[in-house]
Amino acid sequence: MSQPYDIAAYYWPAYHDEPRWRRFMPEGEGEWQTIRKAVPRFEGHQQRRVPLWGYLNEADPLVMERKIDAAARHGVNVFIFDWYWYENQPFLEEALSRGFFGARNNGDMRFYIMWANHDATTLWDLERSHQYEVVWPGAVDFEAFERATDRLVSQFFTHPSYYMVDGKPVLSIYEIGTLIKGLGGLDAACEALGVLREKVRKAGFPGLHLQAV
């Protein structure tokens, strides 16, 4: 039976290995590296916390099936995946492109993308987190915007489980100011978003539902 409203959960796709992720998480298990090394900082601080399911690889479709099932049974019917684009290529995408897309029950869960276009910094690095250095900037120029949005439209918006509002695929932008700055100002950003909307229409949709912070 369909729900009278949708309940969405943000999904931080950091618990799998990826070659570029090893710059921050060199032990090859993603953010689990940080979880495993957590220690109490004060009396009563409950660290480290061990996950009941164990340290699972979310890029494994069987693992994602368990997550989808658990979420759906508790009323969550939408995942909002953080999605990254650094150095003109995607980053931390395999939880979605391998895990979710390969899950046999992904029809039980809808999803959409939040383009997490913030800078990638040393805050992700346990050994250098006391510093603040930008490793990869989150801002993109128009060429990178074109390449990133081509991927969004072709690889994700067309998936049967992609979340729509009034038939329009939903895209969230984490830092609209960063997007505007990278594209060269407000007018240039409006023009770029107009190009994206046209791509979406050419893909067969009535338009784009944009969320921006």
Protein backbone atom coordinates (compact mmCIF):
# COMPACT_ATOMS: atom_id res chain seq x y z
CA MET A 1 0.00 0.00 0.00
CA SER A 2 1.38 3.41 -0.91
CA GLN A 3 2.25 5.91 1.81
CA PRO A 4 0.36 9.23 2.03
CA TYR A 5 3.72 11.02 2.08
CA ASP A 6 7.35 10.22 1.39
CA ILE A 7 10.06 9.86 4.03
CA ALA A 8 13.59 10.45 2.75
CA ALA A 9 16.93 9.74 4.38
CA TYR A 10 20.24 11.26 3.36
CA TYR A 11 22.80 8.62 2.44
CA TRP A 12 26.53 9.30 2.95
CA PRO A 13 28.16 6.76 0.59
CA ALA A 14 31.53 6.48 2.31
CA TYR A 15 31.59 2.88 3.51
CA HIS A 16 33.25 1.21 0.56
CA ASP A 17 36.66 1.25 -1.04
CA GLU A 18 37.56 3.37 -4.03
CA PRO A 19 41.08 4.15 -5.33
CA ARG A 20 40.85 7.93 -4.80
CA TRP A 21 39.20 7.48 -1.40
CA ARG A 22 42.45 5.88 -0.23
CA ARG A 23 44.01 9.32 -0.24
CA PHE A 24 41.92 9.89 2.89
CA MET A 25 41.13 6.33 3.99
CA PRO A 26 44.26 4.34 3.03
CA GLU A 27 43.25 1.06 4.67
CA GLY A 28 40.79 0.19 1.92
CA GLU A 29 37.47 0.07 3.76
CA GLY A 30 36.33 3.66 3.51
CA GLU A 31 34.90 5.43 6.53
CA TRP A 32 34.90 2.19 8.51
CA GLN A 33 38.58 2.99 9.07
CA THR A 34 37.56 5.99 11.18
CA ILE A 35 34.85 4.06 13.02
CA ARG A 36 37.22 1.25 13.95
CA LYS A 37 39.78 3.70 15.38
CA ALA A 38 37.33 5.69 17.50
CA VAL A 39 38.36 5.90 21.17
CA PRO A 40 36.66 7.38 24.26
CA ARG A 41 37.46 11.08 24.71
CA PHE A 42 35.87 11.55 28.12
CA GLU A 43 34.29 9.50 30.92
CA GLY A 44 31.14 7.81 29.69
CA HIS A 45 31.90 8.41 26.02
CA GLN A 46 30.73 5.24 24.28
CA GLN A 47 33.40 4.61 21.67
CA ARG A 48 34.10 2.69 19.68
CA ARG A 49 30.64 1.66 18.48
CA VAL A 50 30.52 -1.61 16.60
CA PRO A 51 27.78 -1.92 13.95
CA LEU A 52 25.37 -4.78 14.60
CA TRP A 53 25.66 -5.93 10.98
CA GLY A 54 29.43 -5.68 10.96
CA TYR A 55 31.66 -3.58 8.73
CA LEU A 56 29.82 -4.21 5.47
CA ASN A 57 30.71 -3.01 1.98
CA GLU A 58 27.80 -0.90 0.78
CA ALA A 59 28.88 -1.25 -2.87
CA ASP A 60 27.92 -4.94 -2.62
CA PRO A 61 24.35 -5.32 -3.95
CA LEU A 62 23.54 -7.92 -1.29
CA VAL A 63 24.48 -5.44 1.44
CA MET A 64 22.39 -2.71 -0.17
CA GLU A 65 19.44 -5.10 -0.38
CA ARG A 66 19.55 -5.43 3.42
CA LYS A 67 19.64 -1.65 3.80
CA ILE A 68 16.74 -1.11 1.43
CA ASP A 69 14.69 -3.77 3.18
CA ALA A 70 15.39 -2.37 6.65
CA ALA A 71 14.61 1.21 5.57
CA ALA A 72 11.41 0.25 3.73
CA ARG A 73 10.13 -1.79 6.68
CA HIS A 74 10.47 1.31 8.85
CA GLY A 75 8.69 3.66 6.46
CA VAL A 76 11.68 5.24 4.70
CA ASN A 77 10.97 5.08 0.98
CA VAL A 78 13.53 7.52 -0.50
CA PHE A 79 17.32 7.64 -0.26
CA ILE A 80 19.04 10.94 -1.08
CA PHE A 81 22.55 9.95 -2.14
CA ASP A 82 25.42 12.38 -1.70
CA TRP A 83 27.11 12.58 -5.11
CA TYR A 84 30.51 14.12 -5.79
CA TRP A 85 32.33 15.46 -8.82
CA TYR A 86 36.02 16.21 -8.31
CA GLU A 87 38.78 16.57 -10.88
CA ASN A 88 36.15 16.24 -13.63
CA GLN A 89 35.08 12.74 -12.59
CA PRO A 90 32.67 11.17 -10.09
CA PHE A 91 33.75 10.24 -6.58
CA LEU A 92 32.21 7.80 -4.04
CA GLU A 93 29.60 6.76 -6.59
CA GLU A 94 29.73 2.98 -6.32
CA ALA A 95 27.38 2.64 -3.36
CA LEU A 96 24.76 3.86 -5.83
CA SER A 97 26.00 2.67 -9.22
CA ARG A 98 26.98 -0.82 -8.01
CA GLY A 99 25.25 -1.35 -4.69
CA PHE A 100 21.83 0.23 -5.19
CA PHE A 101 21.55 -0.42 -8.92
CA GLY A 102 22.54 -4.06 -8.41
CA ALA A 103 20.12 -4.63 -5.53
CA ARG A 104 17.25 -6.88 -6.58
CA ASN A 105 14.78 -4.94 -4.42
CA ASN A 106 15.69 -1.42 -5.57
CA GLY A 107 12.15 -1.07 -6.88
CA ASP A 108 11.07 -0.86 -3.22
CA MET A 109 13.06 2.33 -2.72
CA ARG A 110 13.25 5.52 -4.74
CA PHE A 111 16.32 7.72 -4.75
CA TYR A 112 17.62 11.04 -5.91
CA ILE A 113 20.92 12.85 -5.91
CA MET A 114 22.24 15.68 -3.84
CA TRP A 115 25.27 17.07 -5.64
CA ALA A 116 27.56 17.58 -2.63
CA ASN A 117 29.64 20.24 -4.31
CA HIS A 118 31.64 21.33 -1.28
CA ASP A 119 35.43 21.30 -1.23
CA ALA A 120 37.11 18.01 -0.35
CA THR A 121 39.48 18.85 2.48
CA THR A 122 41.88 17.25 4.92
CA LEU A 123 39.02 17.04 7.43
CA TRP A 124 38.38 13.63 5.83
CA ASP A 125 41.90 12.53 6.78
CA LEU A 126 42.17 11.23 10.35
CA GLU A 127 45.89 12.01 10.48
CA ARG A 128 45.55 15.54 9.08
CA SER A 129 42.09 16.52 10.31
CA HIS A 130 43.58 19.19 12.59
CA GLN A 131 44.61 21.05 9.44
CA TYR A 132 42.29 22.58 6.89
CA GLU A 133 43.59 22.24 3.38
CA VAL A 134 41.55 21.94 0.21
CA VAL A 135 42.48 18.78 -1.67
CA TRP A 136 39.87 19.06 -4.43
CA PRO A 137 37.72 22.17 -4.93
CA GLY A 138 33.97 21.63 -5.22
CA ALA A 139 33.36 24.51 -7.65
CA VAL A 140 33.14 23.62 -11.35
CA ASP A 141 33.42 25.67 -14.53
CA PHE A 142 30.90 25.32 -17.35
CA GLU A 143 32.81 22.54 -19.12
CA ALA A 144 32.92 20.44 -15.94
CA PHE A 145 29.26 21.28 -15.23
CA GLU A 146 28.33 20.00 -18.68
CA ARG A 147 30.23 16.76 -18.19
CA ALA A 148 28.83 16.19 -14.69
CA THR A 149 25.23 16.89 -15.67
CA ASP A 150 25.48 14.72 -18.78
CA ARG A 151 26.28 11.88 -16.40
CA LEU A 152 23.45 12.76 -14.05
CA VAL A 153 20.88 12.75 -16.82
CA SER A 154 22.06 9.63 -18.66
CA GLN A 155 23.07 7.43 -15.70
CA PHE A 156 20.65 8.39 -12.95
CA PHE A 157 17.63 10.47 -13.94
CA THR A 158 16.53 7.75 -16.36
CA HIS A 159 16.63 4.98 -13.74
CA PRO A 160 13.10 3.66 -13.01
CA SER A 161 13.53 4.26 -9.26
CA TYR A 162 14.62 7.89 -9.61
CA TYR A 163 12.45 10.22 -7.53
CA MET A 164 10.20 12.65 -9.40
CA VAL A 165 8.00 15.60 -8.50
CA ASP A 166 5.26 16.17 -11.08
CA GLY A 167 7.16 13.88 -13.44
CA LYS A 168 10.34 15.95 -13.09
CA PRO A 169 13.57 14.40 -11.75
CA VAL A 170 14.69 15.98 -8.49
CA LEU A 171 18.23 17.31 -8.11
CA SER A 172 19.51 18.89 -4.92
CA ILE A 173 22.52 21.24 -4.92
CA TYR A 174 24.34 21.29 -1.58
CA GLU A 175 26.08 24.67 -2.00
CA ILE A 176 24.35 26.87 -4.55
CA GLY A 177 26.81 29.67 -3.80
CA THR A 178 29.73 27.43 -4.73
CA LEU A 179 28.00 26.49 -7.97
CA ILE A 180 27.40 30.15 -8.84
CA LYS A 181 30.98 31.10 -8.03
CA GLY A 182 32.49 28.30 -10.11
CA LEU A 183 30.32 29.07 -13.12
CA GLY A 184 31.29 32.73 -13.05
CA GLY A 185 28.39 34.51 -11.41
CA LEU A 186 24.62 34.48 -11.10
CA ASP A 187 23.81 35.12 -14.77
CA ALA A 188 26.22 32.42 -15.93
CA ALA A 189 24.78 29.96 -13.39
CA CYS A 190 21.23 30.68 -14.58
CA GLU A 191 22.36 30.03 -18.14
CA ALA A 192 24.04 26.75 -17.15
CA LEU A 193 20.95 25.57 -15.29
CA GLY A 194 18.90 26.44 -18.35
CA VAL A 195 21.17 24.18 -20.41
CA LEU A 196 20.62 21.41 -17.87
CA ARG A 197 16.85 21.83 -17.98
CA GLU A 198 16.98 21.53 -21.77
CA LYS A 199 18.98 18.29 -21.46
CA VAL A 200 16.36 16.96 -19.09
CA ARG A 201 13.56 17.82 -21.50
CA LYS A 202 15.40 16.15 -24.37
CA ALA A 203 15.67 13.03 -22.20
CA GLY A 204 11.88 12.88 -22.15
CA PHE A 205 10.94 14.67 -18.94
CA PRO A 206 8.71 17.76 -18.58
CA GLY A 207 11.44 19.61 -16.68
CA LEU A 208 13.74 19.57 -13.66
CA HIS A 209 12.76 19.95 -10.01
CA LEU A 210 15.71 21.74 -8.45
CA GLN A 211 16.41 21.97 -4.72
CA ALA A 212 19.13 24.37 -3.64
CA VAL A 213 20.56 25.50 -0.30
